[in-house]
Amino acid sequence: MIDLTLEMAERAAKAALAKAKQLGTVMTASVVDESGRTVLIMRGDGAGFLSTETSKAKAMAAANFRKSTKELGDMVAKGSPFWSAAPAVLKGEVLPSIGAVPIMKNGRVIGAIGCGGGTGEQDHECAAAGAEAVGGA
């Protein structure tokens, strides 16, 4: 069942971009549903051209693994066999780099928001602000 609406995705992306402005950086926010399908990509003025791809791949990772990419990045850093093989299988569709969080509703993941354009910490802060705008991070 798809619970993430376009209106919710817009609210999340706008909150993420507002947080980026507050932090003094530019940002792209990508919102996907629980299956990783794109709902919305919002590229802030001045955001890099690759940020649309990286923010979406981060959101895909957070939605599909049901964790923030900050947590996933820690798992990758530990060098598990899964994450050694994953890039070849996933072909760039999933990026476990800091900057995305699941969007929750009633304790269930309904999607994710990924951000790109700032530092990893800025991306994470913006994604968390976006998720919080629609129900929690």
C-alpha atoms as a PDB file:
ATOM      1  CA  MET A   1       0.000   0.000   0.000  1.00  0.00           C
ATOM      2  CA  ILE A   2       1.393   3.390  -1.000  1.00  0.00           C
ATOM      3  CA  ASP A   3       0.937   5.990   1.734  1.00  0.00           C
ATOM      4  CA  LEU A   4       3.366   8.666   0.561  1.00  0.00           C
ATOM      5  CA  THR A   5       1.494  11.287  -1.461  1.00  0.00           C
ATOM      6  CA  LEU A   6       2.886  13.937  -3.775  1.00  0.00           C
ATOM      7  CA  GLU A   7       1.759  16.606  -1.294  1.00  0.00           C
ATOM      8  CA  MET A   8       3.752  14.896   1.475  1.00  0.00           C
ATOM      9  CA  ALA A   9       6.788  14.603  -0.798  1.00  0.00           C
ATOM     10  CA  GLU A  10       6.584  18.309  -1.655  1.00  0.00           C
ATOM     11  CA  ARG A  11       6.349  19.207   2.030  1.00  0.00           C
ATOM     12  CA  ALA A  12       9.391  17.054   2.824  1.00  0.00           C
ATOM     13  CA  ALA A  13      11.474  18.449  -0.047  1.00  0.00           C
ATOM     14  CA  LYS A  14      10.577  22.054   0.779  1.00  0.00           C
ATOM     15  CA  ALA A  15      11.506  21.505   4.434  1.00  0.00           C
ATOM     16  CA  ALA A  16      14.835  19.987   3.383  1.00  0.00           C
ATOM     17  CA  LEU A  17      15.618  22.920   1.079  1.00  0.00           C
ATOM     18  CA  ALA A  18      14.616  25.403   3.796  1.00  0.00           C
ATOM     19  CA  LYS A  19      17.037  23.670   6.179  1.00  0.00           C
ATOM     20  CA  ALA A  20      19.758  23.872   3.526  1.00  0.00           C
ATOM     21  CA  LYS A  21      19.164  27.606   3.183  1.00  0.00           C
ATOM     22  CA  GLN A  22      19.391  27.957   6.963  1.00  0.00           C
ATOM     23  CA  LEU A  23      22.717  26.060   6.862  1.00  0.00           C
ATOM     24  CA  GLY A  24      23.987  28.278   4.039  1.00  0.00           C
ATOM     25  CA  THR A  25      24.276  25.569   1.406  1.00  0.00           C
ATOM     26  CA  VAL A  26      22.481  24.465  -1.748  1.00  0.00           C
ATOM     27  CA  MET A  27      20.713  21.146  -1.919  1.00  0.00           C
ATOM     28  CA  THR A  28      18.720  18.722  -4.018  1.00  0.00           C
ATOM     29  CA  ALA A  29      16.067  16.653  -2.263  1.00  0.00           C
ATOM     30  CA  SER A  30      14.720  13.394  -3.698  1.00  0.00           C
ATOM     31  CA  VAL A  31      11.710  11.633  -2.244  1.00  0.00           C
ATOM     32  CA  VAL A  32      10.866   8.001  -3.025  1.00  0.00           C
ATOM     33  CA  ASP A  33       8.053   5.728  -1.870  1.00  0.00           C
ATOM     34  CA  GLU A  34       8.628   2.587   0.224  1.00  0.00           C
ATOM     35  CA  SER A  35       9.628   0.614  -2.879  1.00  0.00           C
ATOM     36  CA  GLY A  36      12.135   3.222  -3.991  1.00  0.00           C
ATOM     37  CA  ARG A  37      10.038   4.642  -6.837  1.00  0.00           C
ATOM     38  CA  THR A  38      10.568   8.347  -7.424  1.00  0.00           C
ATOM     39  CA  VAL A  39       7.805  10.594  -6.126  1.00  0.00           C
ATOM     40  CA  LEU A  40       9.603  13.942  -6.436  1.00  0.00           C
ATOM     41  CA  ILE A  41      13.035  15.412  -7.100  1.00  0.00           C
ATOM     42  CA  MET A  42      13.478  19.072  -6.211  1.00  0.00           C
ATOM     43  CA  ARG A  43      16.793  20.668  -7.206  1.00  0.00           C
ATOM     44  CA  GLY A  44      17.589  23.847  -5.342  1.00  0.00           C
ATOM     45  CA  ASP A  45      18.963  26.843  -7.214  1.00  0.00           C
ATOM     46  CA  GLY A  46      22.676  26.382  -7.722  1.00  0.00           C
ATOM     47  CA  ALA A  47      22.775  22.695  -6.742  1.00  0.00           C
ATOM     48  CA  GLY A  48      25.233  20.579  -8.680  1.00  0.00           C
ATOM     49  CA  PHE A  49      24.017  18.601 -11.677  1.00  0.00           C
ATOM     50  CA  LEU A  50      24.975  15.251 -10.137  1.00  0.00           C
ATOM     51  CA  SER A  51      23.073  15.973  -6.929  1.00  0.00           C
ATOM     52  CA  THR A  52      19.810  14.788  -8.510  1.00  0.00           C
ATOM     53  CA  GLU A  53      21.310  11.325  -9.074  1.00  0.00           C
ATOM     54  CA  THR A  54      23.130  11.020  -5.754  1.00  0.00           C
ATOM     55  CA  SER A  55      20.198  12.255  -3.676  1.00  0.00           C
ATOM     56  CA  LYS A  56      17.877   9.766  -5.377  1.00  0.00           C
ATOM     57  CA  ALA A  57      20.305   6.867  -4.892  1.00  0.00           C
ATOM     58  CA  LYS A  58      20.634   7.778  -1.206  1.00  0.00           C
ATOM     59  CA  ALA A  59      16.837   7.866  -0.845  1.00  0.00           C
ATOM     60  CA  MET A  60      16.612   4.463  -2.572  1.00  0.00           C
ATOM     61  CA  ALA A  61      19.084   3.042  -0.057  1.00  0.00           C
ATOM     62  CA  ALA A  62      17.209   4.433   2.958  1.00  0.00           C
ATOM     63  CA  ALA A  63      13.832   3.208   1.681  1.00  0.00           C
ATOM     64  CA  ASN A  64      14.946  -0.273   0.707  1.00  0.00           C
ATOM     65  CA  PHE A  65      17.139  -0.994   3.717  1.00  0.00           C
ATOM     66  CA  ARG A  66      14.773   0.802   6.142  1.00  0.00           C
ATOM     67  CA  LYS A  67      17.670   2.690   7.769  1.00  0.00           C
ATOM     68  CA  SER A  68      19.337   6.053   7.472  1.00  0.00           C
ATOM     69  CA  THR A  69      22.285   6.081   5.122  1.00  0.00           C
ATOM     70  CA  LYS A  70      24.342   7.257   8.083  1.00  0.00           C
ATOM     71  CA  GLU A  71      23.709   3.802   9.607  1.00  0.00           C
ATOM     72  CA  LEU A  72      24.275   2.069   6.274  1.00  0.00           C
ATOM     73  CA  GLY A  73      27.566   3.905   5.821  1.00  0.00           C
ATOM     74  CA  ASP A  74      28.768   2.505   9.136  1.00  0.00           C
ATOM     75  CA  MET A  75      27.919  -1.002   7.902  1.00  0.00           C
ATOM     76  CA  VAL A  76      29.792  -0.402   4.643  1.00  0.00           C
ATOM     77  CA  ALA A  77      32.829   0.893   6.542  1.00  0.00           C
ATOM     78  CA  LYS A  78      32.980  -2.378   8.485  1.00  0.00           C
ATOM     79  CA  GLY A  79      33.533  -4.168   5.169  1.00  0.00           C
ATOM     80  CA  SER A  80      30.801  -6.790   5.159  1.00  0.00           C
ATOM     81  CA  PRO A  81      30.813  -9.248   2.226  1.00  0.00           C
ATOM     82  CA  PHE A  82      27.361  -7.973   1.177  1.00  0.00           C
ATOM     83  CA  TRP A  83      28.572  -4.396   0.755  1.00  0.00           C
ATOM     84  CA  SER A  84      31.661  -5.591  -1.110  1.00  0.00           C
ATOM     85  CA  ALA A  85      29.426  -7.187  -3.763  1.00  0.00           C
ATOM     86  CA  ALA A  86      26.524  -4.709  -3.708  1.00  0.00           C
ATOM     87  CA  PRO A  87      27.939  -2.077  -6.128  1.00  0.00           C
ATOM     88  CA  ALA A  88      28.253  -4.641  -8.921  1.00  0.00           C
ATOM     89  CA  VAL A  89      24.703  -5.891  -8.412  1.00  0.00           C
ATOM     90  CA  LEU A  90      22.973  -2.593  -7.707  1.00  0.00           C
ATOM     91  CA  LYS A  91      24.731  -0.669 -10.510  1.00  0.00           C
ATOM     92  CA  GLY A  92      24.610   2.736  -8.832  1.00  0.00           C
ATOM     93  CA  GLU A  93      20.906   2.617  -8.036  1.00  0.00           C
ATOM     94  CA  VAL A  94      21.588   2.582  -4.293  1.00  0.00           C
ATOM     95  CA  LEU A  95      24.116   4.817  -2.545  1.00  0.00           C
ATOM     96  CA  PRO A  96      24.762   4.115   1.150  1.00  0.00           C
ATOM     97  CA  SER A  97      26.402   7.521   1.635  1.00  0.00           C
ATOM     98  CA  ILE A  98      25.295   9.864   4.419  1.00  0.00           C
ATOM     99  CA  GLY A  99      22.333  12.054   3.524  1.00  0.00           C
ATOM    100  CA  ALA A 100      19.076  10.072   3.526  1.00  0.00           C
ATOM    101  CA  VAL A 101      16.530   8.925   6.086  1.00  0.00           C
ATOM    102  CA  PRO A 102      13.361   6.848   5.954  1.00  0.00           C
ATOM    103  CA  ILE A 103       9.999   8.607   6.190  1.00  0.00           C
ATOM    104  CA  MET A 104       7.856   6.920   8.830  1.00  0.00           C
ATOM    105  CA  LYS A 105       4.105   6.774   9.417  1.00  0.00           C
ATOM    106  CA  ASN A 106       2.626   4.873  12.348  1.00  0.00           C
ATOM    107  CA  GLY A 107       5.936   3.095  12.925  1.00  0.00           C
ATOM    108  CA  ARG A 108       6.226   1.933   9.305  1.00  0.00           C
ATOM    109  CA  VAL A 109       8.537   3.099   6.523  1.00  0.00           C
ATOM    110  CA  ILE A 110       6.439   4.728   3.793  1.00  0.00           C
ATOM    111  CA  GLY A 111       9.341   6.182   1.815  1.00  0.00           C
ATOM    112  CA  ALA A 112      12.588   8.058   2.191  1.00  0.00           C
ATOM    113  CA  ILE A 113      14.172  11.405   1.467  1.00  0.00           C
ATOM    114  CA  GLY A 114      17.719  11.780   0.246  1.00  0.00           C
ATOM    115  CA  CYS A 115      19.651  15.030  -0.003  1.00  0.00           C
ATOM    116  CA  GLY A 116      22.794  15.975  -1.866  1.00  0.00           C
ATOM    117  CA  GLY A 117      24.763  19.136  -2.395  1.00  0.00           C
ATOM    118  CA  GLY A 118      26.294  19.911   0.982  1.00  0.00           C
ATOM    119  CA  THR A 119      28.603  18.017   3.256  1.00  0.00           C
ATOM    120  CA  GLY A 120      27.414  14.592   4.386  1.00  0.00           C
ATOM    121  CA  GLU A 121      26.332  16.027   7.732  1.00  0.00           C
ATOM    122  CA  GLN A 122      24.437  18.875   6.038  1.00  0.00           C
ATOM    123  CA  ASP A 123      22.766  16.398   3.701  1.00  0.00           C
ATOM    124  CA  HIS A 124      21.718  14.280   6.698  1.00  0.00           C
ATOM    125  CA  GLU A 125      20.378  17.297   8.611  1.00  0.00           C
ATOM    126  CA  CYS A 126      18.336  18.398   5.609  1.00  0.00           C
ATOM    127  CA  ALA A 127      16.956  14.905   5.000  1.00  0.00           C
ATOM    128  CA  ALA A 128      16.007  14.579   8.674  1.00  0.00           C
ATOM    129  CA  ALA A 129      14.213  17.961   8.515  1.00  0.00           C
ATOM    130  CA  GLY A 130      12.322  16.783   5.441  1.00  0.00           C
ATOM    131  CA  ALA A 131      11.261  13.497   7.033  1.00  0.00           C
ATOM    132  CA  GLU A 132      10.233  15.292  10.205  1.00  0.00           C
ATOM    133  CA  ALA A 133       7.992  17.617   8.179  1.00  0.00           C
ATOM    134  CA  VAL A 134       5.834  14.664   7.149  1.00  0.00           C
ATOM    135  CA  GLY A 135       5.805  12.598  10.288  1.00  0.00           C
ATOM    136  CA  GLY A 136       9.186  11.716  11.654  1.00  0.00           C
ATOM    137  CA  ALA A 137      12.768  10.866  10.906  1.00  0.00           C
END
